Amino acid sequence: MNKEEILEMSREENKGGIGEYEKAASDTASKVGLTAGAIACVVLVILGNFILEIPEISLAGWMVFFAMFGGNHIALFKKLGTKHNLALGIVAIIASVVFCAAIILKSVM
């Protein structure tokens, strides 16, 4: 098989889809997005607990972050089939539900 045949096969495989460069860029963007979300949650904790004295704000931030994180790992599990992604996804979604329950309990009490 020569270089041209390999390139043609690669073009056919990626036809209508995204290439390796786009996949790598998407992976990097996901990691940066989750990191930015985590930093935003830390800022919400500081604002909610120490400045505004409304701790529910920080709970809401972590609820959203863990929902995003869990969804990301569940999607990775579906694509890759790796059990550690499934485990991380389940734990993160449980954490999100716990933060949601904490918000509800704080609101009621």
Protein backbone atom coordinates (compact mmCIF):
# COMPACT_ATOMS: atom_id res chain seq x y z
CA MET A 1 0.00 0.00 0.00
CA ASN A 2 1.47 3.34 -0.99
CA LYS A 3 1.10 6.74 0.61
CA GLU A 4 -1.73 7.86 -1.69
CA GLU A 5 -3.82 4.75 -0.97
CA ILE A 6 -3.41 5.25 2.78
CA LEU A 7 -4.41 8.91 2.50
CA GLU A 8 -7.45 8.00 0.41
CA MET A 9 -8.53 5.38 2.97
CA SER A 10 -8.13 7.94 5.75
CA ARG A 11 -10.22 10.48 3.84
CA GLU A 12 -12.97 7.90 3.33
CA GLU A 13 -12.97 6.94 7.03
CA ASN A 14 -13.24 10.57 8.11
CA LYS A 15 -15.74 11.57 5.42
CA GLY A 16 -18.57 13.52 7.03
CA GLY A 17 -16.87 13.41 10.41
CA ILE A 18 -14.22 15.35 12.18
CA GLY A 19 -10.51 14.68 11.83
CA GLU A 20 -7.90 13.87 14.45
CA TYR A 21 -6.92 17.52 14.84
CA GLU A 22 -10.53 18.52 15.55
CA LYS A 23 -10.91 15.62 18.01
CA ALA A 24 -7.77 16.68 19.88
CA ALA A 25 -8.96 20.30 19.94
CA SER A 26 -12.34 19.19 21.28
CA ASP A 27 -10.68 17.12 24.01
CA THR A 28 -8.53 20.09 25.04
CA ALA A 29 -11.55 22.39 25.02
CA SER A 30 -13.47 19.98 27.26
CA LYS A 31 -10.63 19.88 29.77
CA VAL A 32 -10.27 23.65 29.77
CA GLY A 33 -14.03 24.05 30.16
CA LEU A 34 -14.18 21.71 33.14
CA THR A 35 -11.20 23.45 34.73
CA ALA A 36 -12.85 26.84 34.23
CA GLY A 37 -16.02 25.43 35.79
CA ALA A 38 -14.07 24.20 38.82
CA ILE A 39 -12.43 27.61 39.25
CA ALA A 40 -15.85 29.27 38.98
CA CYS A 41 -17.12 26.96 41.72
CA VAL A 42 -14.26 27.94 44.01
CA VAL A 43 -15.06 31.61 43.37
CA LEU A 44 -18.73 30.89 44.17
CA VAL A 45 -17.70 29.23 47.45
CA ILE A 46 -15.69 32.30 48.43
CA LEU A 47 -18.47 34.69 47.37
CA GLY A 48 -21.29 32.65 48.86
CA ASN A 49 -19.71 31.74 52.18
CA PHE A 50 -17.43 34.64 53.03
CA ILE A 51 -18.61 37.74 51.18
CA LEU A 52 -22.37 37.44 50.60
CA GLU A 53 -22.98 34.92 53.40
CA ILE A 54 -25.33 32.90 51.16
CA PRO A 55 -23.84 29.37 51.18
CA GLU A 56 -26.53 28.04 48.84
CA ILE A 57 -24.76 29.82 45.98
CA SER A 58 -21.68 27.65 46.39
CA LEU A 59 -23.79 24.50 46.64
CA ALA A 60 -25.51 25.32 43.35
CA GLY A 61 -22.17 25.84 41.63
CA TRP A 62 -20.85 22.47 42.74
CA MET A 63 -24.13 20.80 41.77
CA VAL A 64 -23.78 22.09 38.20
CA PHE A 65 -20.06 21.29 38.04
CA PHE A 66 -20.50 17.68 39.13
CA ALA A 67 -23.41 17.24 36.72
CA MET A 68 -21.16 18.44 33.87
CA PHE A 69 -18.25 16.32 35.03
CA GLY A 70 -20.44 13.24 35.41
CA GLY A 71 -22.05 13.74 32.02
CA ASN A 72 -18.62 14.08 30.44
CA HIS A 73 -17.43 10.79 31.93
CA ILE A 74 -20.65 8.94 31.09
CA ALA A 75 -20.25 10.07 27.47
CA LEU A 76 -16.62 8.90 27.52
CA PHE A 77 -17.76 5.54 28.89
CA LYS A 78 -20.29 5.17 26.08
CA LYS A 79 -17.65 5.96 23.46
CA LEU A 80 -14.64 4.14 24.96
CA GLY A 81 -16.21 1.52 27.23
CA THR A 82 -13.73 2.19 30.04
CA LYS A 83 -15.06 1.26 33.45
CA HIS A 84 -13.17 3.99 35.31
CA ASN A 85 -15.08 6.59 33.26
CA LEU A 86 -18.35 4.92 34.23
CA ALA A 87 -17.34 4.90 37.89
CA LEU A 88 -16.26 8.56 37.81
CA GLY A 89 -19.49 9.50 36.04
CA ILE A 90 -21.68 7.72 38.56
CA VAL A 91 -19.82 9.19 41.54
CA ALA A 92 -19.98 12.69 40.06
CA ILE A 93 -23.70 12.44 39.34
CA ILE A 94 -24.32 11.17 42.86
CA ALA A 95 -22.34 14.16 44.17
CA SER A 96 -24.49 16.47 42.05
CA VAL A 97 -27.66 14.93 43.49
CA VAL A 98 -26.26 15.30 47.02
CA PHE A 99 -25.54 19.00 46.44
CA CYS A 100 -29.07 19.40 45.03
CA ALA A 101 -30.50 17.73 48.13
CA ALA A 102 -28.39 20.01 50.34
CA ILE A 103 -29.79 23.07 48.57
CA ILE A 104 -33.34 21.82 49.09
CA LEU A 105 -32.70 21.01 52.76
CA LYS A 106 -31.11 24.43 53.38
CA SER A 107 -34.06 26.13 51.71
CA VAL A 108 -36.63 24.24 53.77
CA MET A 109 -34.89 24.57 57.12
